[in-house]
Amino acid sequence: MPVPTIWSWVYQYSVGGAIFLFGLYLALRSDSPDMKGKYRVGIILMLIGGFLFYALLHLAFQTVMPRL
Protein backbone atom coordinates (compact mmCIF):
# COMPACT_ATOMS: atom_id res chain seq x y z
CA MET A 1 0.00 0.00 0.00
CA PRO A 2 1.52 3.35 -0.99
CA VAL A 3 2.18 5.91 1.72
CA PRO A 4 0.08 9.06 1.23
CA THR A 5 1.97 12.23 0.44
CA ILE A 6 1.91 15.44 2.41
CA TRP A 7 -0.22 17.05 -0.32
CA SER A 8 -3.20 14.85 0.44
CA TRP A 9 -3.04 16.06 4.05
CA VAL A 10 -2.69 19.69 2.95
CA TYR A 11 -5.68 19.37 0.64
CA GLN A 12 -7.83 17.61 3.24
CA TYR A 13 -7.17 20.09 6.02
CA SER A 14 -7.29 23.20 3.84
CA VAL A 15 -10.74 22.26 2.50
CA GLY A 16 -11.84 20.94 5.89
CA GLY A 17 -10.43 24.01 7.62
CA ALA A 18 -12.32 26.32 5.29
CA ILE A 19 -15.56 24.45 6.00
CA PHE A 20 -14.78 24.49 9.74
CA LEU A 21 -14.12 28.24 9.74
CA PHE A 22 -17.28 28.90 7.73
CA GLY A 23 -19.31 26.87 10.23
CA LEU A 24 -17.68 28.70 13.12
CA TYR A 25 -18.49 32.01 11.46
CA LEU A 26 -22.13 31.00 11.03
CA ALA A 27 -22.34 29.89 14.67
CA LEU A 28 -20.89 33.18 15.88
CA ARG A 29 -23.07 35.24 13.56
CA SER A 30 -26.27 33.46 14.57
CA ASP A 31 -25.42 34.19 18.23
CA SER A 32 -26.20 30.65 19.28
CA PRO A 33 -27.13 30.25 22.97
CA ASP A 34 -24.10 28.17 23.92
CA MET A 35 -21.74 30.87 22.68
CA LYS A 36 -22.86 33.62 25.07
CA GLY A 37 -21.19 34.81 28.22
CA LYS A 38 -17.68 34.60 29.54
CA TYR A 39 -17.09 31.11 28.16
CA ARG A 40 -17.33 32.23 24.53
CA VAL A 41 -13.59 32.68 24.01
CA GLY A 42 -12.85 29.38 25.74
CA ILE A 43 -15.28 27.50 23.53
CA ILE A 44 -13.83 29.03 20.37
CA LEU A 45 -10.27 28.23 21.47
CA MET A 46 -11.25 24.66 22.32
CA LEU A 47 -12.83 24.17 18.89
CA ILE A 48 -9.81 25.56 17.06
CA GLY A 49 -7.40 23.69 19.34
CA GLY A 50 -9.26 20.43 18.76
CA PHE A 51 -9.12 20.91 15.01
CA LEU A 52 -5.39 21.62 15.14
CA PHE A 53 -4.76 18.69 17.50
CA TYR A 54 -6.44 16.19 15.18
CA ALA A 55 -4.77 17.72 12.13
CA LEU A 56 -1.33 17.33 13.71
CA LEU A 57 -2.13 13.85 15.00
CA HIS A 58 -3.24 12.83 11.51
CA LEU A 59 -0.08 14.36 10.05
CA ALA A 60 2.06 12.34 12.46
CA PHE A 61 0.29 9.08 11.62
CA GLN A 62 0.41 9.80 7.91
CA THR A 63 4.03 10.90 7.57
CA VAL A 64 6.12 9.78 10.54
CA MET A 65 4.54 6.55 11.79
CA PRO A 66 4.61 4.59 8.49
CA ARG A 67 8.37 5.06 8.33
CA LEU A 68 9.07 3.67 11.80
C-alpha atoms as a PDB file:
ATOM      1  CA  MET A   1       0.000   0.000   0.000  1.00  0.00           C
ATOM      2  CA  PRO A   2       1.524   3.353  -0.987  1.00  0.00           C
ATOM      3  CA  VAL A   3       2.181   5.913   1.717  1.00  0.00           C
ATOM      4  CA  PRO A   4       0.076   9.057   1.228  1.00  0.00           C
ATOM      5  CA  THR A   5       1.971  12.225   0.444  1.00  0.00           C
ATOM      6  CA  ILE A   6       1.905  15.437   2.413  1.00  0.00           C
ATOM      7  CA  TRP A   7      -0.216  17.046  -0.316  1.00  0.00           C
ATOM      8  CA  SER A   8      -3.205  14.849   0.444  1.00  0.00           C
ATOM      9  CA  TRP A   9      -3.041  16.062   4.052  1.00  0.00           C
ATOM     10  CA  VAL A  10      -2.686  19.695   2.954  1.00  0.00           C
ATOM     11  CA  TYR A  11      -5.684  19.369   0.643  1.00  0.00           C
ATOM     12  CA  GLN A  12      -7.832  17.611   3.237  1.00  0.00           C
ATOM     13  CA  TYR A  13      -7.167  20.094   6.018  1.00  0.00           C
ATOM     14  CA  SER A  14      -7.294  23.202   3.842  1.00  0.00           C
ATOM     15  CA  VAL A  15     -10.735  22.256   2.502  1.00  0.00           C
ATOM     16  CA  GLY A  16     -11.840  20.944   5.894  1.00  0.00           C
ATOM     17  CA  GLY A  17     -10.425  24.008   7.619  1.00  0.00           C
ATOM     18  CA  ALA A  18     -12.320  26.321   5.293  1.00  0.00           C
ATOM     19  CA  ILE A  19     -15.559  24.450   5.998  1.00  0.00           C
ATOM     20  CA  PHE A  20     -14.784  24.490   9.736  1.00  0.00           C
ATOM     21  CA  LEU A  21     -14.119  28.241   9.745  1.00  0.00           C
ATOM     22  CA  PHE A  22     -17.278  28.904   7.734  1.00  0.00           C
ATOM     23  CA  GLY A  23     -19.310  26.868  10.227  1.00  0.00           C
ATOM     24  CA  LEU A  24     -17.682  28.697  13.122  1.00  0.00           C
ATOM     25  CA  TYR A  25     -18.487  32.015  11.461  1.00  0.00           C
ATOM     26  CA  LEU A  26     -22.130  30.996  11.034  1.00  0.00           C
ATOM     27  CA  ALA A  27     -22.337  29.892  14.670  1.00  0.00           C
ATOM     28  CA  LEU A  28     -20.893  33.185  15.879  1.00  0.00           C
ATOM     29  CA  ARG A  29     -23.072  35.242  13.564  1.00  0.00           C
ATOM     30  CA  SER A  30     -26.267  33.464  14.574  1.00  0.00           C
ATOM     31  CA  ASP A  31     -25.424  34.188  18.234  1.00  0.00           C
ATOM     32  CA  SER A  32     -26.200  30.651  19.281  1.00  0.00           C
ATOM     33  CA  PRO A  33     -27.132  30.254  22.966  1.00  0.00           C
ATOM     34  CA  ASP A  34     -24.098  28.167  23.918  1.00  0.00           C
ATOM     35  CA  MET A  35     -21.736  30.874  22.682  1.00  0.00           C
ATOM     36  CA  LYS A  36     -22.861  33.617  25.073  1.00  0.00           C
ATOM     37  CA  GLY A  37     -21.191  34.808  28.217  1.00  0.00           C
ATOM     38  CA  LYS A  38     -17.675  34.603  29.538  1.00  0.00           C
ATOM     39  CA  TYR A  39     -17.088  31.106  28.158  1.00  0.00           C
ATOM     40  CA  ARG A  40     -17.329  32.227  24.528  1.00  0.00           C
ATOM     41  CA  VAL A  41     -13.588  32.678  24.007  1.00  0.00           C
ATOM     42  CA  GLY A  42     -12.848  29.384  25.742  1.00  0.00           C
ATOM     43  CA  ILE A  43     -15.280  27.495  23.533  1.00  0.00           C
ATOM     44  CA  ILE A  44     -13.828  29.028  20.375  1.00  0.00           C
ATOM     45  CA  LEU A  45     -10.273  28.229  21.468  1.00  0.00           C
ATOM     46  CA  MET A  46     -11.249  24.658  22.322  1.00  0.00           C
ATOM     47  CA  LEU A  47     -12.828  24.174  18.893  1.00  0.00           C
ATOM     48  CA  ILE A  48      -9.806  25.563  17.056  1.00  0.00           C
ATOM     49  CA  GLY A  49      -7.399  23.691  19.339  1.00  0.00           C
ATOM     50  CA  GLY A  50      -9.259  20.432  18.762  1.00  0.00           C
ATOM     51  CA  PHE A  51      -9.124  20.905  15.010  1.00  0.00           C
ATOM     52  CA  LEU A  52      -5.386  21.616  15.137  1.00  0.00           C
ATOM     53  CA  PHE A  53      -4.765  18.687  17.498  1.00  0.00           C
ATOM     54  CA  TYR A  54      -6.441  16.191  15.180  1.00  0.00           C
ATOM     55  CA  ALA A  55      -4.772  17.722  12.128  1.00  0.00           C
ATOM     56  CA  LEU A  56      -1.329  17.330  13.708  1.00  0.00           C
ATOM     57  CA  LEU A  57      -2.133  13.846  14.996  1.00  0.00           C
ATOM     58  CA  HIS A  58      -3.242  12.829  11.513  1.00  0.00           C
ATOM     59  CA  LEU A  59      -0.080  14.364  10.053  1.00  0.00           C
ATOM     60  CA  ALA A  60       2.059  12.343  12.455  1.00  0.00           C
ATOM     61  CA  PHE A  61       0.295   9.084  11.621  1.00  0.00           C
ATOM     62  CA  GLN A  62       0.412   9.805   7.907  1.00  0.00           C
ATOM     63  CA  THR A  63       4.028  10.905   7.568  1.00  0.00           C
ATOM     64  CA  VAL A  64       6.119   9.777  10.537  1.00  0.00           C
ATOM     65  CA  MET A  65       4.541   6.554  11.785  1.00  0.00           C
ATOM     66  CA  PRO A  66       4.614   4.590   8.487  1.00  0.00           C
ATOM     67  CA  ARG A  67       8.374   5.061   8.326  1.00  0.00           C
ATOM     68  CA  LEU A  68       9.074   3.670  11.804  1.00  0.00           C
END
